[in-house]
Amino acid sequence: MNPGSVDVVLVRPARPGNVAAACRAMKNMGLGTLILVDPPSGLEGAEARALAYGAWDVLDAARTAPTLRDAIAGATLVAGTSGRPLADAWTPRRLAEEGPARSAGGRTALVFGPEASGLRNDELGLCHITVHIPSDPAHPSLNLAQAVLVLAYEIRVAALGAAPAPAREEERATAGEMEAALDDLAGALRAIGYLNPDNPGKVLAVLRALLARAGPTPRETTLLRGLARQIRWAARAVARDGGQDG
């Protein structure tokens, strides 16, 4: 995985000093793109500048996004971190080794949640894979900069020893393109009564995971959106005809 193709996304970080320390961890390992969702105030303060020593360029170039969905829209692989040892969670090393195949040469977003609580379930649901750092159960908690450093270190080590990547045959759809297709599919499935209106997220989470594994191209997501529009049209036609066959 090319460190230059990695975006670090910090969601609702609590303190400016934590953001600054994360910037330094990123710079240590050659990562330079930081996106902040609901950042704290004080990033221009003296404490933050001191903690970001040598990585002021990373801090100053940080972009903000209104939502996590906006922050990850340009990535083809979205890895959400969790302090919980979920059954299907990847280790940072597996991410570094297998992530390039999943991203297919596109950008990878590493998503970190608030220090005290981590990412919410709905935020993890937007991620294609979950990464867990297997720390000692006697003291499992890591601060934000430590977690960023561990993932960034594994990515750098894997990149240093990696063979040249083969040329991509087809471009992968970004998370933003897949989410747009899912929005259209959700509307179509609601139109035909397939989705449970009280809990539509369960089916959509399965569809999101399926798309993430399949790695569709932009053209394929466009086809899915066209299919969804046709389903909605057919549902309206059936409703207009009173549900009777012609």
Protein backbone atom coordinates (compact mmCIF):
# COMPACT_ATOMS: atom_id res chain seq x y z
CA MET A 1 0.00 0.00 0.00
CA ASN A 2 1.43 3.33 -1.06
CA PRO A 3 1.43 5.64 2.00
CA GLY A 4 0.68 8.51 -0.34
CA SER A 5 -2.68 6.95 -1.21
CA VAL A 6 -3.84 6.77 2.43
CA ASP A 7 -6.24 9.23 4.05
CA VAL A 8 -6.41 9.35 7.84
CA VAL A 9 -9.91 10.32 8.95
CA LEU A 10 -10.44 11.45 12.54
CA VAL A 11 -14.09 11.54 13.61
CA ARG A 12 -15.00 13.93 16.44
CA PRO A 13 -11.55 14.01 18.06
CA ALA A 14 -11.89 15.39 21.58
CA ARG A 15 -8.78 17.54 21.95
CA PRO A 16 -6.59 19.52 19.58
CA GLY A 17 -3.47 18.04 21.17
CA ASN A 18 -4.58 14.55 20.14
CA VAL A 19 -5.02 15.68 16.56
CA ALA A 20 -1.59 17.28 16.60
CA ALA A 21 0.07 14.16 18.01
CA ALA A 22 -1.67 12.08 15.33
CA CYS A 23 -0.20 14.42 12.69
CA ARG A 24 3.28 13.74 14.02
CA ALA A 25 2.65 9.98 13.97
CA MET A 26 1.48 10.26 10.36
CA LYS A 27 4.53 12.29 9.31
CA ASN A 28 6.85 9.74 10.99
CA MET A 29 5.50 7.03 8.69
CA GLY A 30 5.13 9.03 5.49
CA LEU A 31 1.37 9.66 5.59
CA GLY A 32 0.30 13.18 4.73
CA THR A 33 -3.45 13.40 4.15
CA LEU A 34 -5.67 14.17 7.16
CA ILE A 35 -9.44 14.66 7.08
CA LEU A 36 -11.31 15.84 10.17
CA VAL A 37 -15.01 15.31 10.88
CA ASP A 38 -16.29 17.72 13.55
CA PRO A 39 -12.81 18.76 14.75
CA PRO A 40 -12.19 20.45 18.12
CA SER A 41 -11.36 24.12 18.41
CA GLY A 42 -7.83 25.19 19.23
CA LEU A 43 -5.90 23.54 16.40
CA GLU A 44 -4.09 26.82 15.84
CA GLY A 45 -3.10 27.10 19.50
CA ALA A 46 0.41 26.87 20.93
CA GLU A 47 -0.11 23.46 22.54
CA ALA A 48 -1.28 21.87 19.30
CA ARG A 49 1.57 23.46 17.35
CA ALA A 50 4.08 22.14 19.85
CA LEU A 51 2.68 18.59 19.79
CA ALA A 52 2.71 18.61 15.99
CA TYR A 53 6.43 19.46 15.97
CA GLY A 54 7.85 18.83 12.51
CA ALA A 55 4.43 17.86 11.12
CA TRP A 56 2.94 21.33 10.85
CA ASP A 57 2.43 20.79 7.11
CA VAL A 58 0.14 17.82 7.83
CA LEU A 59 -1.83 19.80 10.42
CA ASP A 60 -2.11 22.92 8.25
CA ALA A 61 -3.22 20.92 5.20
CA ALA A 62 -5.92 19.01 7.10
CA ARG A 63 -9.32 19.12 5.41
CA THR A 64 -12.66 19.10 7.18
CA ALA A 65 -15.75 17.18 6.12
CA PRO A 66 -19.28 17.66 7.42
CA THR A 67 -19.93 13.92 7.79
CA LEU A 68 -18.03 10.65 7.70
CA ARG A 69 -19.77 9.78 4.48
CA ASP A 70 -18.36 12.92 2.87
CA ALA A 71 -14.91 12.25 4.31
CA ILE A 72 -14.63 8.77 2.77
CA ALA A 73 -16.38 9.49 -0.52
CA GLY A 74 -13.17 9.37 -2.57
CA ALA A 75 -11.79 6.12 -1.13
CA THR A 76 -12.09 2.69 -2.71
CA LEU A 77 -11.27 0.95 0.60
CA VAL A 78 -12.57 2.25 3.93
CA ALA A 79 -11.08 0.70 7.08
CA GLY A 80 -12.78 1.61 10.34
CA THR A 81 -10.92 1.02 13.59
CA SER A 82 -12.50 -0.45 16.70
CA GLY A 83 -11.28 -1.22 20.19
CA ARG A 84 -13.63 -4.20 20.27
CA PRO A 85 -12.16 -7.53 19.10
CA LEU A 86 -14.92 -8.22 16.58
CA ALA A 87 -14.95 -11.67 15.02
CA ASP A 88 -14.34 -10.44 11.47
CA ALA A 89 -11.87 -7.67 12.34
CA TRP A 90 -8.56 -7.45 10.50
CA THR A 91 -5.24 -6.81 12.20
CA PRO A 92 -3.21 -3.77 11.09
CA ARG A 93 -0.74 -6.16 9.43
CA ARG A 94 -3.47 -7.84 7.41
CA LEU A 95 -4.69 -4.42 6.33
CA ALA A 96 -1.21 -3.48 5.14
CA GLU A 97 -0.73 -6.77 3.29
CA GLU A 98 -4.18 -7.36 1.79
CA GLY A 99 -5.49 -3.82 1.58
CA PRO A 100 -3.82 -2.96 -1.75
CA ALA A 101 -5.74 -5.73 -3.52
CA ARG A 102 -9.00 -4.50 -2.05
CA SER A 103 -8.35 -0.85 -2.92
CA ALA A 104 -7.15 -1.77 -6.44
CA GLY A 105 -4.84 1.22 -6.64
CA GLY A 106 -7.39 3.70 -5.33
CA ARG A 107 -7.30 5.58 -2.06
CA THR A 108 -7.61 3.94 1.34
CA ALA A 109 -9.32 5.74 4.23
CA LEU A 110 -8.28 4.83 7.79
CA VAL A 111 -11.10 5.94 10.08
CA PHE A 112 -10.58 6.57 13.79
CA GLY A 113 -13.39 7.44 16.19
CA PRO A 114 -13.51 9.61 19.32
CA GLU A 115 -10.96 8.72 21.98
CA ALA A 116 -13.47 7.85 24.71
CA SER A 117 -16.08 5.90 22.76
CA GLY A 118 -14.74 4.99 19.32
CA LEU A 119 -16.85 4.86 16.18
CA ARG A 120 -20.58 4.31 16.49
CA ASN A 121 -22.10 1.19 14.94
CA ASP A 122 -23.64 3.20 12.11
CA GLU A 123 -20.23 4.72 11.37
CA LEU A 124 -18.55 1.30 11.36
CA GLY A 125 -21.35 0.24 9.04
CA LEU A 126 -20.08 2.73 6.43
CA CYS A 127 -16.66 1.04 6.49
CA HIS A 128 -15.76 -1.87 4.22
CA ILE A 129 -13.60 -3.61 6.82
CA THR A 130 -12.95 -3.22 10.55
CA VAL A 131 -9.43 -3.13 11.98
CA HIS A 132 -8.62 -4.01 15.59
CA ILE A 133 -5.21 -3.58 17.22
CA PRO A 134 -4.64 -6.73 19.33
CA SER A 135 -3.31 -4.99 22.43
CA ASP A 136 -2.85 -6.73 25.79
CA PRO A 137 -6.22 -7.37 27.48
CA ALA A 138 -4.73 -6.21 30.78
CA HIS A 139 -4.44 -2.68 29.36
CA PRO A 140 -6.04 -2.58 25.90
CA SER A 141 -6.69 1.15 25.54
CA LEU A 142 -4.50 3.15 23.15
CA ASN A 143 -4.59 6.89 22.68
CA LEU A 144 -5.44 8.30 19.27
CA ALA A 145 -1.87 9.00 18.16
CA GLN A 146 -0.76 5.50 19.21
CA ALA A 147 -3.51 3.89 17.16
CA VAL A 148 -2.66 6.01 14.13
CA LEU A 149 1.03 5.18 14.51
CA VAL A 150 0.44 1.41 14.68
CA LEU A 151 -1.56 1.32 11.45
CA ALA A 152 0.77 3.76 9.70
CA TYR A 153 3.83 1.74 10.76
CA GLU A 154 2.43 -1.49 9.32
CA ILE A 155 1.57 0.27 6.07
CA ARG A 156 5.08 1.71 5.80
CA VAL A 157 6.82 -1.59 6.54
CA ALA A 158 4.68 -3.42 3.98
CA ALA A 159 5.32 -0.71 1.40
CA LEU A 160 9.09 -0.87 1.89
CA GLY A 161 9.12 -4.60 1.19
CA ALA A 162 6.46 -4.70 -1.52
CA ALA A 163 7.09 -5.68 -5.12
CA PRO A 164 5.99 -3.20 -7.78
CA ALA A 165 2.23 -3.27 -8.08
CA PRO A 166 0.80 -4.69 -11.32
CA ALA A 167 -1.08 -2.35 -13.57
CA ARG A 168 -4.76 -2.02 -12.77
CA GLU A 169 -7.12 -3.56 -15.29
CA GLU A 170 -10.22 -1.68 -14.18
CA GLU A 171 -10.87 1.26 -11.90
CA ARG A 172 -12.73 0.58 -8.66
CA ALA A 173 -15.77 2.56 -7.63
CA THR A 174 -15.22 4.90 -4.71
CA ALA A 175 -17.13 4.72 -1.45
CA GLY A 176 -19.09 7.77 -2.57
CA GLU A 177 -20.18 6.04 -5.79
CA MET A 178 -21.17 2.90 -3.90
CA GLU A 179 -23.14 4.88 -1.32
CA ALA A 180 -25.00 6.68 -4.12
CA ALA A 181 -25.89 3.30 -5.64
CA LEU A 182 -27.04 2.06 -2.24
CA ASP A 183 -29.24 5.13 -1.82
CA ASP A 184 -30.93 4.38 -5.14
CA LEU A 185 -31.27 0.68 -4.31
CA ALA A 186 -32.79 1.55 -0.94
CA GLY A 187 -35.40 3.73 -2.66
CA ALA A 188 -36.20 0.95 -5.13
CA LEU A 189 -36.47 -1.71 -2.45
CA ARG A 190 -38.75 0.51 -0.40
CA ALA A 191 -40.92 1.06 -3.46
CA ILE A 192 -41.55 -2.67 -3.88
CA GLY A 193 -42.00 -3.29 -0.15
CA TYR A 194 -38.83 -5.33 0.27
CA LEU A 195 -37.24 -3.26 3.02
CA ASN A 196 -38.59 -3.34 6.55
CA PRO A 197 -39.42 0.34 7.15
CA ASP A 198 -38.67 -0.08 10.86
CA ASN A 199 -35.17 -1.49 10.27
CA PRO A 200 -33.94 -0.87 6.70
CA GLY A 201 -30.33 -0.56 7.81
CA LYS A 202 -29.88 -4.29 8.37
CA VAL A 203 -30.44 -5.22 4.72
CA LEU A 204 -28.51 -2.20 3.48
CA ALA A 205 -25.53 -3.16 5.65
CA VAL A 206 -25.48 -6.60 4.00
CA LEU A 207 -25.68 -5.02 0.54
CA ARG A 208 -22.89 -2.59 1.43
CA ALA A 209 -20.65 -5.46 2.54
CA LEU A 210 -21.47 -7.37 -0.65
CA LEU A 211 -20.52 -4.40 -2.83
CA ALA A 212 -17.31 -3.83 -0.86
CA ARG A 213 -16.26 -7.46 -1.42
CA ALA A 214 -17.19 -7.37 -5.09
CA GLY A 215 -15.23 -4.18 -5.78
CA PRO A 216 -17.47 -2.85 -8.58
CA THR A 217 -16.24 -0.43 -11.21
CA PRO A 218 -17.80 3.02 -11.61
CA ARG A 219 -19.67 1.73 -14.66
CA GLU A 220 -21.08 -1.18 -12.68
CA THR A 221 -22.38 1.13 -9.94
CA THR A 222 -23.98 3.24 -12.67
CA LEU A 223 -25.71 0.09 -13.95
CA LEU A 224 -26.97 -0.63 -10.43
CA ARG A 225 -28.39 2.87 -10.20
CA GLY A 226 -30.12 2.39 -13.54
CA LEU A 227 -31.56 -0.91 -12.33
CA ALA A 228 -32.86 0.81 -9.20
CA ARG A 229 -34.51 3.54 -11.25
CA GLN A 230 -36.20 0.91 -13.43
CA ILE A 231 -37.50 -0.91 -10.34
CA ARG A 232 -38.98 2.34 -9.02
CA TRP A 233 -40.59 2.99 -12.41
CA ALA A 234 -42.09 -0.51 -12.45
CA ALA A 235 -43.39 -0.07 -8.90
CA ARG A 236 -45.11 3.17 -9.86
CA ALA A 237 -46.61 1.53 -12.95
CA VAL A 238 -48.01 -1.34 -10.89
CA ALA A 239 -49.46 1.09 -8.37
CA ARG A 240 -50.99 3.18 -11.16
CA ASP A 241 -52.62 0.11 -12.73
CA GLY A 242 -54.00 -1.03 -9.40
CA GLY A 243 -51.69 -4.03 -9.22
CA GLN A 244 -53.49 -5.79 -12.09
CA ASP A 245 -51.64 -7.61 -14.86
CA GLY A 246 -52.20 -6.21 -18.38
